[in-house]
PDB file of N, CA and C in Angstrom:
ATOM      1  N   MET A   1     177.512 103.229  -3.530  1.00  0.00           N
ATOM      2  CA  MET A   1     176.429 102.342  -2.194  1.00  0.00           C
ATOM      3  C   MET A   1     177.117 102.415  -0.684  1.00  0.00           C
ATOM      4  N   ARG A   2     178.468 102.152  -1.249  1.00  0.00           N
ATOM      5  CA  ARG A   2     179.222 102.253   0.240  1.00  0.00           C
ATOM      6  C   ARG A   2     178.844 103.854   1.143  1.00  0.00           C
ATOM      7  N   ARG A   3     178.897 104.800   0.519  1.00  0.00           N
ATOM      8  CA  ARG A   3     178.858 105.965   1.182  1.00  0.00           C
ATOM      9  C   ARG A   3     177.034 105.768   1.944  1.00  0.00           C
ATOM     10  N   ALA A   4     176.135 105.396   0.851  1.00  0.00           N
ATOM     11  CA  ALA A   4     174.964 105.453   1.482  1.00  0.00           C
ATOM     12  C   ALA A   4     174.862 104.341   2.443  1.00  0.00           C
ATOM     13  N   THR A   5     175.224 103.290   2.673  1.00  0.00           N
ATOM     14  CA  THR A   5     175.130 102.393   3.619  1.00  0.00           C
ATOM     15  C   THR A   5     176.278 102.131   4.698  1.00  0.00           C
ATOM     16  N   LEU A   6     177.190 102.911   4.303  1.00  0.00           N
ATOM     17  CA  LEU A   6     178.519 103.066   5.289  1.00  0.00           C
ATOM     18  C   LEU A   6     179.159 101.366   5.579  1.00  0.00           C
ATOM     19  N   ASP A   7     178.545 100.235   4.823  1.00  0.00           N
ATOM     20  CA  ASP A   7     179.049  98.927   4.641  1.00  0.00           C
ATOM     21  C   ASP A   7     179.741  98.647   3.608  1.00  0.00           C
ATOM     22  N   GLU A   8     181.198  98.818   3.778  1.00  0.00           N
ATOM     23  CA  GLU A   8     181.862  98.480   2.853  1.00  0.00           C
ATOM     24  C   GLU A   8     181.814  96.718   2.305  1.00  0.00           C
ATOM     25  N   SER A   9     181.778  96.042   3.197  1.00  0.00           N
ATOM     26  CA  SER A   9     181.638  94.399   3.057  1.00  0.00           C
ATOM     27  C   SER A   9     180.474  94.436   2.111  1.00  0.00           C
ATOM     28  N   LEU A  10     179.178  94.908   2.501  1.00  0.00           N
ATOM     29  CA  LEU A  10     178.180  94.846   1.526  1.00  0.00           C
ATOM     30  C   LEU A  10     178.295  94.826   0.176  1.00  0.00           C
ATOM     31  N   SER A  11     178.592  96.795   0.082  1.00  0.00           N
ATOM     32  CA  SER A  11     179.031  97.267  -1.306  1.00  0.00           C
ATOM     33  C   SER A  11     179.689  96.274  -2.138  1.00  0.00           C
ATOM     34  N   GLU A  12     181.244  95.639  -1.398  1.00  0.00           N
ATOM     35  CA  GLU A  12     182.029  95.072  -2.391  1.00  0.00           C
ATOM     36  C   GLU A  12     181.312  93.621  -2.820  1.00  0.00           C
ATOM     37  N   SER A  13     180.393  93.269  -1.955  1.00  0.00           N
ATOM     38  CA  SER A  13     179.737  91.821  -2.287  1.00  0.00           C
ATOM     39  C   SER A  13     178.635  91.992  -3.443  1.00  0.00           C
ATOM     40  N   VAL A  14     178.252  93.094  -3.497  1.00  0.00           N
ATOM     41  CA  VAL A  14     176.791  93.255  -4.543  1.00  0.00           C
ATOM     42  C   VAL A  14     177.892  93.839  -5.752  1.00  0.00           C
ATOM     43  N   LYS A  15     178.812  94.541  -5.792  1.00  0.00           N
ATOM     44  CA  LYS A  15     179.791  94.837  -6.777  1.00  0.00           C
ATOM     45  C   LYS A  15     180.176  93.565  -7.453  1.00  0.00           C
ATOM     46  N   LYS A  16     180.706  92.431  -6.414  1.00  0.00           N
ATOM     47  CA  LYS A  16     181.392  91.465  -7.124  1.00  0.00           C
ATOM     48  C   LYS A  16     180.161  90.498  -7.978  1.00  0.00           C
ATOM     49  N   ASP A  17     178.983  90.246  -6.827  1.00  0.00           N
ATOM     50  CA  ASP A  17     178.273  89.798  -7.901  1.00  0.00           C
ATOM     51  C   ASP A  17     176.547  89.603  -6.749  1.00  0.00           C
ATOM     52  N   TYR A  18     175.892  90.615  -7.010  1.00  0.00           N
ATOM     53  CA  TYR A  18     174.374  90.676  -6.135  1.00  0.00           C
ATOM     54  C   TYR A  18     173.717  89.474  -5.784  1.00  0.00           C
ATOM     55  N   LYS A  19     173.840  88.300  -6.672  1.00  0.00           N
ATOM     56  CA  LYS A  19     173.230  87.400  -6.757  1.00  0.00           C
ATOM     57  C   LYS A  19     173.947  86.406  -5.292  1.00  0.00           C
ATOM     58  N   THR A  20     174.556  86.778  -5.074  1.00  0.00           N
ATOM     59  CA  THR A  20     175.614  86.109  -3.554  1.00  0.00           C
ATOM     60  C   THR A  20     175.755  86.994  -2.632  1.00  0.00           C
ATOM     61  N   ALA A  21     175.170  87.887  -2.622  1.00  0.00           N
ATOM     62  CA  ALA A  21     175.436  89.097  -1.682  1.00  0.00           C
ATOM     63  C   ALA A  21     174.263  88.483  -0.567  1.00  0.00           C
ATOM     64  N   GLU A  22     174.694  88.939   0.681  1.00  0.00           N
ATOM     65  CA  GLU A  22     173.539  88.850   2.083  1.00  0.00           C
ATOM     66  C   GLU A  22     172.421  90.084   1.431  1.00  0.00           C
ATOM     67  N   LEU A  23     171.623  90.123   1.016  1.00  0.00           N
ATOM     68  CA  LEU A  23     170.719  90.960   0.849  1.00  0.00           C
ATOM     69  C   LEU A  23     169.204  90.739   1.296  1.00  0.00           C
ATOM     70  N   ALA A  24     168.545  91.775   1.646  1.00  0.00           N
ATOM     71  CA  ALA A  24     166.720  91.243   1.778  1.00  0.00           C
ATOM     72  C   ALA A  24     166.175  91.132   0.501  1.00  0.00           C
ATOM     73  N   HIS A  25     165.261  90.105   0.550  1.00  0.00           N
ATOM     74  CA  HIS A  25     164.756  89.347  -0.532  1.00  0.00           C
ATOM     75  C   HIS A  25     164.246  90.719  -1.342  1.00  0.00           C
ATOM     76  N   CYS A  26     163.325  91.479  -0.699  1.00  0.00           N
ATOM     77  CA  CYS A  26     162.912  92.716  -1.752  1.00  0.00           C
ATOM     78  C   CYS A  26     164.120  93.178  -2.654  1.00  0.00           C
ATOM     79  N   ASP A  27     165.214  93.375  -2.145  1.00  0.00           N
ATOM     80  CA  ASP A  27     166.745  94.126  -2.732  1.00  0.00           C
ATOM     81  C   ASP A  27     166.618  93.320  -3.875  1.00  0.00           C
ATOM     82  N   ARG A  28     166.921  91.984  -3.630  1.00  0.00           N
ATOM     83  CA  ARG A  28     167.200  90.992  -4.831  1.00  0.00           C
ATOM     84  C   ARG A  28     166.280  91.184  -6.088  1.00  0.00           C
ATOM     85  N   VAL A  29     164.930  91.106  -5.705  1.00  0.00           N
ATOM     86  CA  VAL A  29     163.895  91.194  -6.472  1.00  0.00           C
ATOM     87  C   VAL A  29     164.056  92.371  -7.558  1.00  0.00           C
ATOM     88  N   MET A  30     164.596  93.321  -6.645  1.00  0.00           N
ATOM     89  CA  MET A  30     164.442  94.459  -7.617  1.00  0.00           C
ATOM     90  C   MET A  30     166.033  94.930  -8.050  1.00  0.00           C
ATOM     91  N   LEU A  31     167.151  94.182  -7.866  1.00  0.00           N
ATOM     92  CA  LEU A  31     168.299  94.122  -8.392  1.00  0.00           C
ATOM     93  C   LEU A  31     168.120  92.829  -9.716  1.00  0.00           C
ATOM     94  N   ASP A  32     167.280  91.786  -9.559  1.00  0.00           N
ATOM     95  CA  ASP A  32     167.023  91.207 -10.755  1.00  0.00           C
ATOM     96  C   ASP A  32     166.296  91.901 -12.067  1.00  0.00           C
ATOM     97  N   TYR A  33     165.690  92.860 -11.257  1.00  0.00           N
ATOM     98  CA  TYR A  33     164.389  93.484 -12.309  1.00  0.00           C
ATOM     99  C   TYR A  33     165.352  94.843 -12.984  1.00  0.00           C
ATOM    100  N   VAL A  34     166.519  95.231 -12.430  1.00  0.00           N
ATOM    101  CA  VAL A  34     167.407  96.339 -12.877  1.00  0.00           C
ATOM    102  C   VAL A  34     168.329  95.671 -13.825  1.00  0.00           C
ATOM    103  N   ASP A  35     168.818  94.501 -13.305  1.00  0.00           N
ATOM    104  CA  ASP A  35     169.867  93.567 -13.978  1.00  0.00           C
ATOM    105  C   ASP A  35     168.837  93.208 -15.584  1.00  0.00           C
ATOM    106  N   LYS A  36     167.787  92.669 -15.605  1.00  0.00           N
ATOM    107  CA  LYS A  36     167.161  92.575 -16.692  1.00  0.00           C
ATOM    108  C   LYS A  36     166.584  93.714 -17.606  1.00  0.00           C
ATOM    109  N   LEU A  37     166.592  94.823 -16.989  1.00  0.00           N
ATOM    110  CA  LEU A  37     166.307  96.109 -17.478  1.00  0.00           C
ATOM    111  C   LEU A  37     167.342  96.497 -18.283  1.00  0.00           C
ATOM    112  N   THR A  38     168.525  96.124 -17.642  1.00  0.00           N
ATOM    113  CA  THR A  38     169.711  96.783 -18.537  1.00  0.00           C
ATOM    114  C   THR A  38     170.356  95.788 -19.564  1.00  0.00           C
ATOM    115  N   ARG A  39     170.368  94.139 -19.225  1.00  0.00           N
ATOM    116  CA  ARG A  39     171.032  93.218 -20.392  1.00  0.00           C
ATOM    117  C   ARG A  39     170.133  93.208 -21.195  1.00  0.00           C
ATOM    118  N   HIS A  40     168.630  93.226 -20.763  1.00  0.00           N
ATOM    119  CA  HIS A  40     167.694  92.717 -22.307  1.00  0.00           C
ATOM    120  C   HIS A  40     166.181  93.431 -21.714  1.00  0.00           C
ATOM    121  N   PRO A  41     166.487  94.767 -21.897  1.00  0.00           N
ATOM    122  CA  PRO A  41     165.272  95.297 -21.979  1.00  0.00           C
ATOM    123  C   PRO A  41     164.095  95.185 -22.553  1.00  0.00           C
ATOM    124  N   ALA A  42     164.157  94.541 -23.645  1.00  0.00           N
ATOM    125  CA  ALA A  42     163.003  94.146 -24.334  1.00  0.00           C
ATOM    126  C   ALA A  42     162.497  93.051 -23.718  1.00  0.00           C
ATOM    127  N   ARG A  43     163.006  92.281 -23.181  1.00  0.00           N
ATOM    128  CA  ARG A  43     162.424  90.956 -22.472  1.00  0.00           C
ATOM    129  C   ARG A  43     161.501  91.187 -21.263  1.00  0.00           C
ATOM    130  N   VAL A  44     161.765  92.454 -20.589  1.00  0.00           N
ATOM    131  CA  VAL A  44     160.762  92.936 -19.374  1.00  0.00           C
ATOM    132  C   VAL A  44     159.235  92.842 -19.695  1.00  0.00           C
ATOM    133  N   GLN A  45     158.581  92.262 -18.815  1.00  0.00           N
ATOM    134  CA  GLN A  45     157.112  91.782 -18.678  1.00  0.00           C
ATOM    135  C   GLN A  45     156.522  92.457 -17.640  1.00  0.00           C
ATOM    136  N   ARG A  46     155.417  92.315 -17.838  1.00  0.00           N
ATOM    137  CA  ARG A  46     154.601  92.594 -16.901  1.00  0.00           C
ATOM    138  C   ARG A  46     154.703  91.556 -15.320  1.00  0.00           C
ATOM    139  N   GLU A  47     155.137  90.632 -15.561  1.00  0.00           N
ATOM    140  CA  GLU A  47     155.326  89.657 -14.497  1.00  0.00           C
ATOM    141  C   GLU A  47     156.639  90.130 -13.434  1.00  0.00           C
ATOM    142  N   ASP A  48     157.547  91.004 -14.508  1.00  0.00           N
ATOM    143  CA  ASP A  48     158.823  91.678 -13.727  1.00  0.00           C
ATOM    144  C   ASP A  48     158.460  92.458 -12.475  1.00  0.00           C
ATOM    145  N   VAL A  49     157.479  93.394 -13.090  1.00  0.00           N
ATOM    146  CA  VAL A  49     156.896  94.495 -12.643  1.00  0.00           C
ATOM    147  C   VAL A  49     155.645  94.100 -11.692  1.00  0.00           C
ATOM    148  N   ASP A  50     155.412  93.090 -11.831  1.00  0.00           N
ATOM    149  CA  ASP A  50     154.351  92.402 -10.763  1.00  0.00           C
ATOM    150  C   ASP A  50     155.047  91.772  -9.665  1.00  0.00           C
ATOM    151  N   ALA A  51     156.162  91.319  -9.970  1.00  0.00           N
ATOM    152  CA  ALA A  51     157.404  90.763  -9.349  1.00  0.00           C
ATOM    153  C   ALA A  51     157.704  92.033  -8.070  1.00  0.00           C
ATOM    154  N   LEU A  52     158.056  93.061  -8.347  1.00  0.00           N
ATOM    155  CA  LEU A  52     158.466  94.323  -7.579  1.00  0.00           C
ATOM    156  C   LEU A  52     157.040  94.576  -6.522  1.00  0.00           C
ATOM    157  N   ARG A  53     156.220  94.760  -7.038  1.00  0.00           N
ATOM    158  CA  ARG A  53     154.747  94.871  -6.308  1.00  0.00           C
ATOM    159  C   ARG A  53     154.917  93.658  -5.208  1.00  0.00           C
ATOM    160  N   GLU A  54     154.998  92.380  -5.595  1.00  0.00           N
ATOM    161  CA  GLU A  54     154.686  91.418  -4.714  1.00  0.00           C
ATOM    162  C   GLU A  54     155.412  91.439  -3.082  1.00  0.00           C
ATOM    163  N   VAL A  55     156.873  92.073  -3.429  1.00  0.00           N
ATOM    164  CA  VAL A  55     157.870  92.486  -2.295  1.00  0.00           C
ATOM    165  C   VAL A  55     157.917  93.683  -1.645  1.00  0.00           C
ATOM    166  N   GLY A  56     156.469  94.402  -1.837  1.00  0.00           N
ATOM    167  CA  GLY A  56     156.105  95.583  -1.447  1.00  0.00           C
ATOM    168  C   GLY A  56     156.441  97.039  -1.917  1.00  0.00           C
ATOM    169  N   PHE A  57     156.983  96.939  -3.310  1.00  0.00           N
ATOM    170  CA  PHE A  57     157.366  98.338  -3.655  1.00  0.00           C
ATOM    171  C   PHE A  57     155.806  98.703  -4.354  1.00  0.00           C
ATOM    172  N   ASP A  58     155.615  99.946  -4.307  1.00  0.00           N
ATOM    173  CA  ASP A  58     154.575 100.472  -5.114  1.00  0.00           C
ATOM    174  C   ASP A  58     154.618 101.104  -6.389  1.00  0.00           C
ATOM    175  N   ASP A  59     153.648 101.631  -6.774  1.00  0.00           N
ATOM    176  CA  ASP A  59     153.870 102.264  -8.255  1.00  0.00           C
ATOM    177  C   ASP A  59     155.408 103.403  -8.471  1.00  0.00           C
ATOM    178  N   THR A  60     154.923 104.138  -7.624  1.00  0.00           N
ATOM    179  CA  THR A  60     155.780 105.382  -7.094  1.00  0.00           C
ATOM    180  C   THR A  60     157.389 104.584  -7.276  1.00  0.00           C
ATOM    181  N   ALA A  61     157.742 103.811  -6.530  1.00  0.00           N
ATOM    182  CA  ALA A  61     158.694 103.176  -6.185  1.00  0.00           C
ATOM    183  C   ALA A  61     159.118 102.405  -7.584  1.00  0.00           C
ATOM    184  N   ILE A  62     158.638 101.903  -7.980  1.00  0.00           N
ATOM    185  CA  ILE A  62     158.722 101.129  -9.352  1.00  0.00           C
ATOM    186  C   ILE A  62     159.071 102.035 -10.757  1.00  0.00           C
ATOM    187  N   LEU A  63     158.366 103.244 -10.771  1.00  0.00           N
ATOM    188  CA  LEU A  63     158.915 104.164 -11.507  1.00  0.00           C
ATOM    189  C   LEU A  63     160.216 104.530 -11.075  1.00  0.00           C
ATOM    190  N   GLN A  64     160.503 104.820  -9.952  1.00  0.00           N
ATOM    191  CA  GLN A  64     161.986 105.568  -9.611  1.00  0.00           C
ATOM    192  C   GLN A  64     163.048 104.382  -9.860  1.00  0.00           C
ATOM    193  N   ILE A  65     162.790 103.358  -9.785  1.00  0.00           N
ATOM    194  CA  ILE A  65     163.549 102.289  -9.692  1.00  0.00           C
ATOM    195  C   ILE A  65     163.868 101.743 -11.555  1.00  0.00           C
ATOM    196  N   ASN A  66     162.942 102.332 -12.333  1.00  0.00           N
ATOM    197  CA  ASN A  66     162.900 102.141 -13.755  1.00  0.00           C
ATOM    198  C   ASN A  66     163.644 103.366 -14.120  1.00  0.00           C
ATOM    199  N   LEU A  67     163.306 104.114 -13.623  1.00  0.00           N
ATOM    200  CA  LEU A  67     163.873 105.883 -14.099  1.00  0.00           C
ATOM    201  C   LEU A  67     165.054 105.922 -13.839  1.00  0.00           C
ATOM    202  N   ILE A  68     165.628 105.180 -12.531  1.00  0.00           N
ATOM    203  CA  ILE A  68     167.245 105.657 -12.327  1.00  0.00           C
ATOM    204  C   ILE A  68     167.942 104.644 -13.048  1.00  0.00           C
ATOM    205  N   ALA A  69     167.723 103.287 -13.082  1.00  0.00           N
ATOM    206  CA  ALA A  69     168.384 102.210 -13.696  1.00  0.00           C
ATOM    207  C   ALA A  69     168.434 102.694 -15.287  1.00  0.00           C
ATOM    208  N   SER A  70     167.603 103.017 -15.916  1.00  0.00           N
ATOM    209  CA  SER A  70     167.407 103.722 -17.565  1.00  0.00           C
ATOM    210  C   SER A  70     168.253 104.802 -17.447  1.00  0.00           C
ATOM    211  N   TRP A  71     168.245 106.063 -16.537  1.00  0.00           N
ATOM    212  CA  TRP A  71     169.358 106.853 -16.757  1.00  0.00           C
ATOM    213  C   TRP A  71     170.670 106.476 -16.807  1.00  0.00           C
ATOM    214  N   PHE A  72     171.183 105.435 -15.782  1.00  0.00           N
ATOM    215  CA  PHE A  72     172.426 105.161 -15.755  1.00  0.00           C
ATOM    216  C   PHE A  72     172.418 104.358 -17.157  1.00  0.00           C
ATOM    217  N   ASN A  73     171.709 103.791 -17.291  1.00  0.00           N
ATOM    218  CA  ASN A  73     172.012 102.695 -18.734  1.00  0.00           C
ATOM    219  C   ASN A  73     172.572 103.977 -19.621  1.00  0.00           C
ATOM    220  N   TYR A  74     171.450 104.973 -19.567  1.00  0.00           N
ATOM    221  CA  TYR A  74     171.746 105.741 -20.994  1.00  0.00           C
ATOM    222  C   TYR A  74     172.773 106.416 -20.837  1.00  0.00           C
ATOM    223  N   ILE A  75     173.228 107.296 -19.779  1.00  0.00           N
ATOM    224  CA  ILE A  75     174.146 107.926 -19.706  1.00  0.00           C
ATOM    225  C   ILE A  75     175.618 107.174 -19.591  1.00  0.00           C
ATOM    226  N   ASN A  76     175.721 106.030 -19.438  1.00  0.00           N
ATOM    227  CA  ASN A  76     176.775 105.261 -19.744  1.00  0.00           C
ATOM    228  C   ASN A  76     177.166 104.894 -21.354  1.00  0.00           C
ATOM    229  N   ARG A  77     176.044 104.738 -21.873  1.00  0.00           N
ATOM    230  CA  ARG A  77     175.972 104.536 -23.426  1.00  0.00           C
ATOM    231  C   ARG A  77     176.532 105.603 -23.578  1.00  0.00           C
ATOM    232  N   VAL A  78     176.022 106.975 -23.637  1.00  0.00           N
ATOM    233  CA  VAL A  78     176.735 108.144 -24.107  1.00  0.00           C
ATOM    234  C   VAL A  78     177.661 108.142 -24.061  1.00  0.00           C
ATOM    235  N   ALA A  79     178.572 108.294 -22.705  1.00  0.00           N
ATOM    236  CA  ALA A  79     179.826 107.987 -22.147  1.00  0.00           C
ATOM    237  C   ALA A  79     180.549 107.081 -23.059  1.00  0.00           C
ATOM    238  N   ASP A  80     180.341 105.849 -23.097  1.00  0.00           N
ATOM    239  CA  ASP A  80     181.035 105.329 -23.933  1.00  0.00           C
ATOM    240  C   ASP A  80     181.095 105.385 -25.529  1.00  0.00           C
ATOM    241  N   GLY A  81     179.814 105.771 -25.778  1.00  0.00           N
ATOM    242  CA  GLY A  81     179.964 106.301 -27.402  1.00  0.00           C
ATOM    243  C   GLY A  81     180.696 107.445 -27.474  1.00  0.00           C
ATOM    244  N   LEU A  82     181.128 108.342 -26.907  1.00  0.00           N
ATOM    245  CA  LEU A  82     182.024 109.509 -26.805  1.00  0.00           C
ATOM    246  C   LEU A  82     183.392 109.045 -26.429  1.00  0.00           C
ATOM    247  N   GLY A  83     183.434 108.075 -25.798  1.00  0.00           N
ATOM    248  CA  GLY A  83     184.833 107.511 -25.308  1.00  0.00           C
ATOM    249  C   GLY A  83     185.562 108.019 -24.260  1.00  0.00           C
ATOM    250  N   ILE A  84     184.624 108.812 -23.320  1.00  0.00           N
ATOM    251  CA  ILE A  84     184.730 109.375 -22.352  1.00  0.00           C
ATOM    252  C   ILE A  84     185.345 107.986 -21.208  1.00  0.00           C
ATOM    253  N   GLY A  85     186.246 108.501 -20.367  1.00  0.00           N
ATOM    254  CA  GLY A  85     187.113 107.793 -19.292  1.00  0.00           C
ATOM    255  C   GLY A  85     187.724 106.337 -19.823  1.00  0.00           C
ATOM    256  N   ARG A  86     188.246 106.718 -21.300  1.00  0.00           N
ATOM    257  CA  ARG A  86     189.094 105.648 -21.823  1.00  0.00           C
ATOM    258  C   ARG A  86     190.319 106.006 -21.882  1.00  0.00           C
TER     259      ARG A  86
END
């Protein structure tokens, strides 16, 4: 994130706890969705996707958010399962 935004302070605050970081409302809603998808994927409901739409994400963006978060969740589990990085 630091490389994309060139804002080390923002990157560190999001890394520490995105809920207390200074973020645009749409970014916070997106991260709430990603957090729920990561921690409790079976609990994601239509209302979660609707919340993304309400802050301006279209269907393509919502799909991209979902795919990117899901890919990172998947690849991290693969790495963990193989003991990579330990």
